[in-house]
């Protein structure tokens, strides 16, 4: 019986190794600046940045809107004169947050605020309202707790292809301090490497709503009937895949959005379980397969020491861990982050149990209407 468990573990690890090696080889693809085109459905040629605000702090809101406005002003004053606007949607904001947003938007001609009052609170609904009111065909979405660089919009503009598309932007999660923040930063670097590698290999498996751009037509063709309040990223990605839209990851760091890691273990686990909870709504076969392989290799890493000789289980686990570390290093290079060795070592030890717990908890709590 031990031999059967061993063969199963080895088989899953080999599949995992094949997938990760393919991802690592593809990370450097994309981000080549293929030029911008215009009218997709008769609207004006330009970029509409849609930001949904819910429970962000005053500092986060000010930083987000301020850096986006700087990027818009830069392209408006530039020689190419890229038309751009900022659409901020407040999802049932309290009076204090609404006042902050209205003050920041002010009387700028390129920025406006949409006050969304709905009994169905959720990011997808807020985003839908913003896109419906957007002026341009090219939509760029980010979150209210993110900041961008001055060249953000012009970099994205250079990457926009002709026809229907979805561009995955680099999302950089910077440690908020402490070991929890450092581990979260390293884990997220791994996710970015996987996002870039699978997308630029032609089999995109992940997207992050904090950084994505897409054509209006791509958005309007989606048929998301799920009950998930979030999932604006993954379900749109699946729709783009189904309709044959061009999907790729921009590796140019100037297109990146930056955010902070969760500050506590509780915040960290809640965020990751919310992401994992959307897995039950996936329908693209290779996205499901990728998720299953990652879950199974980590589940087996947890239970195999109980089923096969401990020394053998440790050896296989170390081989699997070395691949995770390689992915983490690649992700740090991709996002410009420093490899935090202590955090990587801790993550390598606890990662299998963490993946299993987060995945199961996310599925159990998936349909609670959370952002």
Protein backbone atom coordinates (compact mmCIF):
# COMPACT_ATOMS: atom_id res chain seq x y z
CA UNK A 1 0.00 0.00 0.00
CA UNK A 2 2.91 2.33 0.77
CA UNK A 3 4.17 1.92 -2.79
CA UNK A 4 0.84 3.08 -4.21
CA UNK A 5 0.91 6.25 -2.09
CA UNK A 6 4.50 6.87 -3.12
CA UNK A 7 3.73 6.51 -6.83
CA UNK A 8 0.77 8.87 -6.54
CA UNK A 9 2.88 11.48 -4.74
CA UNK A 10 5.69 11.18 -7.28
CA UNK A 11 3.28 11.43 -10.20
CA UNK A 12 1.68 14.62 -8.87
CA UNK A 13 5.07 16.18 -8.09
CA UNK A 14 6.30 15.39 -11.62
CA UNK A 15 3.22 17.04 -13.13
CA UNK A 16 3.77 20.01 -10.81
CA UNK A 17 7.41 20.25 -11.89
CA UNK A 18 6.44 20.15 -15.56
CA UNK A 19 3.89 22.94 -15.08
CA UNK A 20 6.28 25.18 -13.12
CA UNK A 21 9.15 24.67 -15.56
CA UNK A 22 6.85 25.68 -18.41
CA UNK A 23 5.78 28.76 -16.45
CA UNK A 24 9.36 29.78 -15.69
CA UNK A 25 10.36 29.54 -19.36
CA UNK A 26 7.49 31.81 -20.41
CA UNK A 27 7.84 34.61 -17.86
CA UNK A 28 9.96 36.82 -20.07
CA UNK A 29 7.35 36.93 -22.86
CA UNK A 30 4.99 39.84 -23.47
CA UNK A 31 5.26 43.55 -22.82
CA UNK A 32 6.61 44.43 -26.24
CA UNK A 33 4.68 47.61 -26.96
CA UNK A 34 2.51 46.61 -29.93
CA UNK A 35 0.86 49.97 -30.42
CA UNK A 36 -2.54 51.38 -29.61
CA UNK A 37 -5.59 51.37 -31.80
CA UNK A 38 -8.87 53.04 -31.30
CA UNK A 39 -12.50 52.75 -31.99
CA UNK A 40 -13.90 49.38 -31.03
CA UNK A 41 -17.59 50.21 -30.99
CA UNK A 42 -17.83 53.81 -32.15
CA UNK A 43 -16.91 55.55 -28.90
CA UNK A 44 -14.03 57.96 -28.58
CA UNK A 45 -10.47 56.66 -28.72
CA UNK A 46 -8.79 56.78 -25.32
CA UNK A 47 -8.51 55.16 -21.88
CA UNK A 48 -11.04 55.16 -19.05
CA UNK A 49 -9.59 54.27 -15.64
CA UNK A 50 -12.28 52.82 -13.35
CA UNK A 51 -11.63 52.69 -9.60
CA UNK A 52 -14.13 51.26 -7.13
CA UNK A 53 -14.00 52.55 -3.54
CA UNK A 54 -15.55 50.71 -0.60
CA UNK A 55 -13.79 50.59 2.77
CA UNK A 56 -10.34 52.01 1.99
CA UNK A 57 -8.71 54.46 4.39
CA UNK A 58 -8.38 58.18 3.69
CA UNK A 59 -4.65 57.78 3.06
CA UNK A 60 -5.21 54.94 0.59
CA UNK A 61 -7.91 56.85 -1.30
CA UNK A 62 -5.78 60.00 -1.54
CA UNK A 63 -2.72 58.08 -2.74
CA UNK A 64 -4.68 56.08 -5.31
CA UNK A 65 -6.58 58.96 -6.89
CA UNK A 66 -3.59 61.30 -6.65
CA UNK A 67 -1.17 59.02 -8.52
CA UNK A 68 -3.71 58.18 -11.22
CA UNK A 69 -4.40 61.88 -11.77
CA UNK A 70 -0.66 62.51 -12.12
CA UNK A 71 -0.46 59.81 -14.79
CA UNK A 72 -3.46 61.24 -16.66
CA UNK A 73 -2.07 64.76 -16.55
CA UNK A 74 1.23 63.49 -17.91
CA UNK A 75 -0.35 61.91 -21.00
CA UNK A 76 -2.63 64.89 -21.57
CA UNK A 77 0.36 67.23 -21.65
CA UNK A 78 2.52 64.88 -23.70
CA UNK A 79 3.17 65.10 -27.42
CA UNK A 80 0.97 62.10 -28.22
CA UNK A 81 -1.92 63.46 -26.19
CA UNK A 82 -3.55 60.19 -25.10
CA UNK A 83 -7.17 60.96 -24.13
CA UNK A 84 -7.84 59.60 -20.64
CA UNK A 85 -10.35 59.93 -17.84
CA UNK A 86 -10.82 58.75 -14.27
CA UNK A 87 -14.15 57.29 -13.14
CA UNK A 88 -14.39 56.74 -9.37
CA UNK A 89 -17.32 54.65 -8.15
CA UNK A 90 -18.28 54.80 -4.50
CA UNK A 91 -20.02 51.59 -3.41
CA UNK A 92 -22.40 52.63 -0.62
CA UNK A 93 -19.79 54.93 0.92
CA UNK A 94 -20.28 56.56 4.29
CA UNK A 95 -20.41 60.35 4.38
CA UNK A 96 -16.77 60.74 5.39
CA UNK A 97 -15.35 58.66 2.55
CA UNK A 98 -17.70 60.19 0.01
CA UNK A 99 -16.57 63.68 1.03
CA UNK A 100 -12.92 62.64 0.60
CA UNK A 101 -13.53 61.30 -2.90
CA UNK A 102 -15.56 64.31 -4.01
CA UNK A 103 -12.81 66.63 -2.76
CA UNK A 104 -10.10 64.71 -4.63
CA UNK A 105 -12.07 64.51 -7.87
CA UNK A 106 -12.91 68.20 -7.58
CA UNK A 107 -13.64 70.09 -10.77
CA UNK A 108 -11.12 68.30 -12.97
CA UNK A 109 -12.56 67.79 -16.42
CA UNK A 110 -11.06 64.32 -16.77
CA UNK A 111 -12.36 62.95 -13.45
CA UNK A 112 -15.82 62.26 -12.08
CA UNK A 113 -17.47 60.51 -9.18
CA UNK A 114 -20.38 58.07 -9.34
CA UNK A 115 -22.31 57.49 -6.14
CA UNK A 116 -23.64 53.92 -6.18
CA UNK A 117 -26.36 53.14 -3.67
CA UNK A 118 -27.52 49.56 -3.89
CA UNK A 119 -28.78 46.86 -1.56
CA UNK A 120 -26.47 44.45 -3.44
CA UNK A 121 -23.09 45.61 -2.27
CA UNK A 122 -20.13 44.24 -4.24
CA UNK A 123 -17.22 45.11 -6.45
CA UNK A 124 -18.65 43.59 -9.61
CA UNK A 125 -21.75 45.76 -9.40
CA UNK A 126 -19.73 48.89 -8.69
CA UNK A 127 -17.35 48.14 -11.53
CA UNK A 128 -20.23 47.51 -13.91
CA UNK A 129 -21.66 50.93 -13.06
CA UNK A 130 -18.31 52.60 -13.71
CA UNK A 131 -17.74 50.91 -17.05
CA UNK A 132 -21.28 51.67 -18.18
CA UNK A 133 -20.58 55.36 -17.60
CA UNK A 134 -17.04 55.31 -19.03
CA UNK A 135 -16.37 57.48 -22.06
CA UNK A 136 -13.74 55.40 -23.86
CA UNK A 137 -13.45 51.91 -25.35
CA UNK A 138 -10.28 50.91 -23.49
CA UNK A 139 -10.96 50.23 -19.83
CA UNK A 140 -8.29 50.02 -17.12
CA UNK A 141 -9.27 48.86 -13.62
CA UNK A 142 -7.44 49.09 -10.34
CA UNK A 143 -8.35 49.11 -6.65
CA UNK A 144 -8.74 51.98 -4.23
CA UNK A 145 -5.76 50.88 -2.12
CA UNK A 146 -3.30 50.85 -5.03
CA UNK A 147 -0.86 53.46 -6.35
CA UNK A 148 0.64 53.79 -9.83
CA UNK A 149 3.62 55.49 -11.48
CA UNK A 150 3.61 58.59 -13.66
CA UNK A 151 4.15 56.54 -16.85
CA UNK A 152 1.40 54.05 -16.01
CA UNK A 153 -1.23 55.07 -18.57
CA UNK A 154 1.15 55.74 -21.46
CA UNK A 155 2.82 52.36 -20.90
CA UNK A 156 -0.53 50.57 -21.01
CA UNK A 157 -1.49 52.59 -24.10
CA UNK A 158 1.56 51.32 -25.98
CA UNK A 159 0.55 47.72 -25.20
CA UNK A 160 -3.06 47.83 -26.36
CA UNK A 161 -3.54 45.48 -29.34
CA UNK A 162 -6.06 45.70 -32.11
CA UNK A 163 -9.41 44.00 -31.55
CA UNK A 164 -10.69 42.41 -28.37
CA UNK A 165 -8.14 41.95 -25.60
CA UNK A 166 -7.41 41.61 -21.91
CA UNK A 167 -4.06 42.79 -20.56
CA UNK A 168 -2.86 41.61 -17.14
CA UNK A 169 -0.85 44.32 -15.41
CA UNK A 170 1.96 43.65 -12.92
CA UNK A 171 0.63 43.90 -9.38
CA UNK A 172 3.33 44.49 -6.79
CA UNK A 173 2.46 43.73 -3.17
CA UNK A 174 4.92 45.50 -0.86
CA UNK A 175 5.44 44.29 2.69
CA UNK A 176 3.65 46.34 5.32
CA UNK A 177 6.32 45.20 7.77
CA UNK A 178 6.94 42.18 9.97
CA UNK A 179 7.20 38.52 9.08
CA UNK A 180 3.53 38.30 8.02
CA UNK A 181 4.00 41.11 5.50
CA UNK A 182 7.26 39.63 4.23
CA UNK A 183 5.73 36.17 3.72
CA UNK A 184 2.70 37.69 1.97
CA UNK A 185 4.97 39.68 -0.32
CA UNK A 186 6.97 36.59 -1.29
CA UNK A 187 3.89 34.46 -1.84
CA UNK A 188 2.34 37.15 -4.02
CA UNK A 189 5.55 37.35 -6.07
CA UNK A 190 5.07 33.62 -6.78
CA UNK A 191 1.50 34.28 -7.90
CA UNK A 192 2.66 37.05 -10.24
CA UNK A 193 5.25 34.75 -11.77
CA UNK A 194 2.58 32.11 -12.35
CA UNK A 195 0.22 34.74 -13.78
CA UNK A 196 2.84 36.02 -16.21
CA UNK A 197 4.16 32.61 -17.21
CA UNK A 198 0.82 30.95 -17.91
CA UNK A 199 -0.57 33.99 -19.76
CA UNK A 200 2.45 34.40 -21.99
CA UNK A 201 2.54 30.65 -22.63
CA UNK A 202 -0.98 30.97 -24.06
CA UNK A 203 -2.86 29.36 -21.17
CA UNK A 204 -3.71 32.19 -18.74
CA UNK A 205 -4.76 30.85 -15.36
CA UNK A 206 -4.90 33.92 -13.11
CA UNK A 207 -5.88 37.58 -13.15
CA UNK A 208 -5.95 40.25 -10.46
CA UNK A 209 -8.60 42.96 -10.40
CA UNK A 210 -6.07 45.43 -8.99
CA UNK A 211 -4.39 45.59 -12.39
CA UNK A 212 -6.13 44.74 -15.65
CA UNK A 213 -7.05 46.43 -18.92
CA UNK A 214 -9.55 45.27 -21.51
CA UNK A 215 -11.65 46.38 -24.44
CA UNK A 216 -15.25 47.36 -23.79
CA UNK A 217 -16.37 44.67 -26.22
CA UNK A 218 -14.54 42.00 -24.20
CA UNK A 219 -16.33 43.15 -21.07
CA UNK A 220 -19.76 43.38 -22.68
CA UNK A 221 -19.57 39.86 -24.06
CA UNK A 222 -19.21 38.22 -20.65
CA UNK A 223 -22.04 36.12 -19.28
CA UNK A 224 -21.22 36.05 -15.58
CA UNK A 225 -24.29 34.68 -13.84
CA UNK A 226 -22.42 33.54 -10.72
CA UNK A 227 -23.48 34.53 -7.22
CA UNK A 228 -20.01 35.73 -6.28
CA UNK A 229 -19.89 39.41 -5.24
CA UNK A 230 -16.24 39.60 -6.31
CA UNK A 231 -14.54 37.72 -9.12
CA UNK A 232 -14.49 40.65 -11.52
CA UNK A 233 -11.04 39.48 -12.58
CA UNK A 234 -11.16 35.69 -12.95
CA UNK A 235 -14.62 35.44 -14.47
CA UNK A 236 -13.76 38.17 -16.98
CA UNK A 237 -10.55 36.30 -17.81
CA UNK A 238 -12.54 33.15 -18.53
CA UNK A 239 -14.89 35.12 -20.77
CA UNK A 240 -11.94 36.59 -22.68
CA UNK A 241 -10.55 33.09 -23.19
CA UNK A 242 -13.90 31.73 -24.38
CA UNK A 243 -14.42 34.52 -26.93
CA UNK A 244 -10.88 34.36 -28.32
CA UNK A 245 -9.73 37.75 -27.06
CA UNK A 246 -5.98 38.31 -26.88
CA UNK A 247 -4.77 37.77 -23.31
CA UNK A 248 -1.25 38.53 -22.15
CA UNK A 249 0.75 39.83 -19.22
CA UNK A 250 2.66 43.10 -19.51
CA UNK A 251 6.14 42.61 -18.05
CA UNK A 252 7.05 46.31 -18.28
CA UNK A 253 7.36 47.49 -14.66
CA UNK A 254 6.03 50.94 -15.59
CA UNK A 255 2.59 49.36 -16.03
CA UNK A 256 2.62 48.04 -12.46
CA UNK A 257 0.26 48.92 -9.66
CA UNK A 258 1.53 48.82 -6.08
CA UNK A 259 -0.33 47.90 -2.91
CA UNK A 260 0.47 46.87 0.65
CA UNK A 261 0.32 43.39 2.13
CA UNK A 262 -2.17 42.59 4.92
CA UNK A 263 -0.81 43.57 8.32
CA UNK A 264 -2.09 40.64 10.41
CA UNK A 265 -2.41 36.88 9.97
CA UNK A 266 -6.20 37.20 10.10
CA UNK A 267 -6.32 39.80 7.33
CA UNK A 268 -3.90 37.73 5.27
CA UNK A 269 -5.93 34.52 5.57
CA UNK A 270 -9.25 36.28 4.92
CA UNK A 271 -7.88 37.89 1.77
CA UNK A 272 -6.44 34.65 0.41
CA UNK A 273 -9.53 32.59 1.30
CA UNK A 274 -11.68 35.15 -0.54
CA UNK A 275 -9.52 34.65 -3.63
CA UNK A 276 -9.63 30.87 -3.28
CA UNK A 277 -13.39 30.92 -2.78
CA UNK A 278 -13.96 31.89 -6.41
CA UNK A 279 -12.53 28.58 -7.61
CA UNK A 280 -15.93 26.93 -7.41
CA UNK A 281 -17.15 29.19 -10.23
CA UNK A 282 -14.35 28.40 -12.70
CA UNK A 283 -15.24 26.66 -15.95
CA UNK A 284 -12.06 26.80 -18.09
CA UNK A 285 -10.52 23.34 -18.04
CA UNK A 286 -6.87 24.32 -17.74
CA UNK A 287 -7.57 26.89 -15.03
CA UNK A 288 -9.36 24.16 -13.06
CA UNK A 289 -6.53 21.68 -13.79
CA UNK A 290 -3.88 24.18 -12.65
CA UNK A 291 -5.75 24.81 -9.40
CA UNK A 292 -6.25 21.08 -8.81
CA UNK A 293 -2.56 20.27 -9.40
CA UNK A 294 -1.42 22.99 -6.98
CA UNK A 295 -3.93 21.88 -4.36
CA UNK A 296 -3.13 18.17 -4.71
CA UNK A 297 0.66 18.54 -4.55
CA UNK A 298 0.33 20.55 -1.33
CA UNK A 299 -2.32 18.27 0.16
CA UNK A 300 -0.11 15.24 -0.48
CA UNK A 301 2.87 17.07 1.03
CA UNK A 302 0.85 17.38 4.23
CA UNK A 303 -0.46 13.81 4.47
CA UNK A 304 2.36 11.76 2.92
CA UNK A 305 4.62 11.77 5.99
CA UNK A 306 1.85 9.68 7.60
CA UNK A 307 1.66 7.18 4.73
CA UNK A 308 5.22 6.63 3.48
CA UNK A 309 8.65 6.55 5.19
CA UNK A 310 9.38 9.97 6.69
CA UNK A 311 12.86 10.33 5.13
CA UNK A 312 11.47 9.63 1.68
CA UNK A 313 8.61 12.07 2.17
CA UNK A 314 11.06 14.77 3.25
CA UNK A 315 13.24 14.22 0.18
CA UNK A 316 10.30 14.55 -2.21
CA UNK A 317 9.03 17.56 -0.27
CA UNK A 318 12.43 19.27 -0.57
CA UNK A 319 12.44 18.68 -4.33
CA UNK A 320 8.98 20.23 -4.57
CA UNK A 321 10.04 23.13 -2.32
CA UNK A 322 13.07 23.92 -4.51
CA UNK A 323 10.68 24.50 -7.42
CA UNK A 324 8.54 26.82 -5.29
CA UNK A 325 11.63 28.81 -4.33
CA UNK A 326 12.67 29.11 -7.98
CA UNK A 327 9.21 30.46 -8.80
CA UNK A 328 9.46 32.93 -5.91
CA UNK A 329 12.85 34.21 -7.08
CA UNK A 330 11.51 34.60 -10.63
CA UNK A 331 8.52 36.49 -9.27
CA UNK A 332 10.74 38.85 -7.29
CA UNK A 333 12.79 39.60 -10.40
CA UNK A 334 9.62 40.18 -12.39
CA UNK A 335 8.15 42.62 -9.86
CA UNK A 336 11.40 44.23 -8.77
CA UNK A 337 11.20 43.02 -5.18
CA UNK A 338 14.09 41.89 -2.99
CA UNK A 339 14.11 38.19 -2.09
CA UNK A 340 13.43 38.00 1.64
CA UNK A 341 15.29 34.84 2.59
CA UNK A 342 13.81 34.42 6.07
CA UNK A 343 10.28 34.79 4.72
CA UNK A 344 10.96 32.38 1.85
CA UNK A 345 12.29 29.75 4.28
CA UNK A 346 9.23 30.08 6.52
CA UNK A 347 6.86 30.04 3.57
CA UNK A 348 8.48 26.86 2.23
CA UNK A 349 7.78 25.06 5.51
CA UNK A 350 4.19 26.15 6.10
CA UNK A 351 3.05 26.61 2.50
CA UNK A 352 1.47 23.16 1.93
CA UNK A 353 -0.71 23.35 5.05
CA UNK A 354 -1.54 26.98 4.30
CA UNK A 355 -2.72 26.17 0.75
CA UNK A 356 -4.94 23.34 1.96
CA UNK A 357 -6.53 25.36 4.79
CA UNK A 358 -7.08 28.49 2.67
CA UNK A 359 -8.52 26.55 -0.26
CA UNK A 360 -10.99 24.61 1.85
CA UNK A 361 -12.00 27.61 3.96
CA UNK A 362 -12.40 29.75 0.84
CA UNK A 363 -14.77 27.26 -0.77
CA UNK A 364 -16.84 26.92 2.43
CA UNK A 365 -17.25 30.70 2.79
CA UNK A 366 -17.36 31.56 -0.92
CA UNK A 367 -20.86 33.01 -1.31
CA UNK A 368 -21.06 35.57 1.44
CA UNK A 369 -21.16 38.60 -0.82
CA UNK A 370 -17.73 39.86 0.14
CA UNK A 371 -15.69 42.29 -1.94
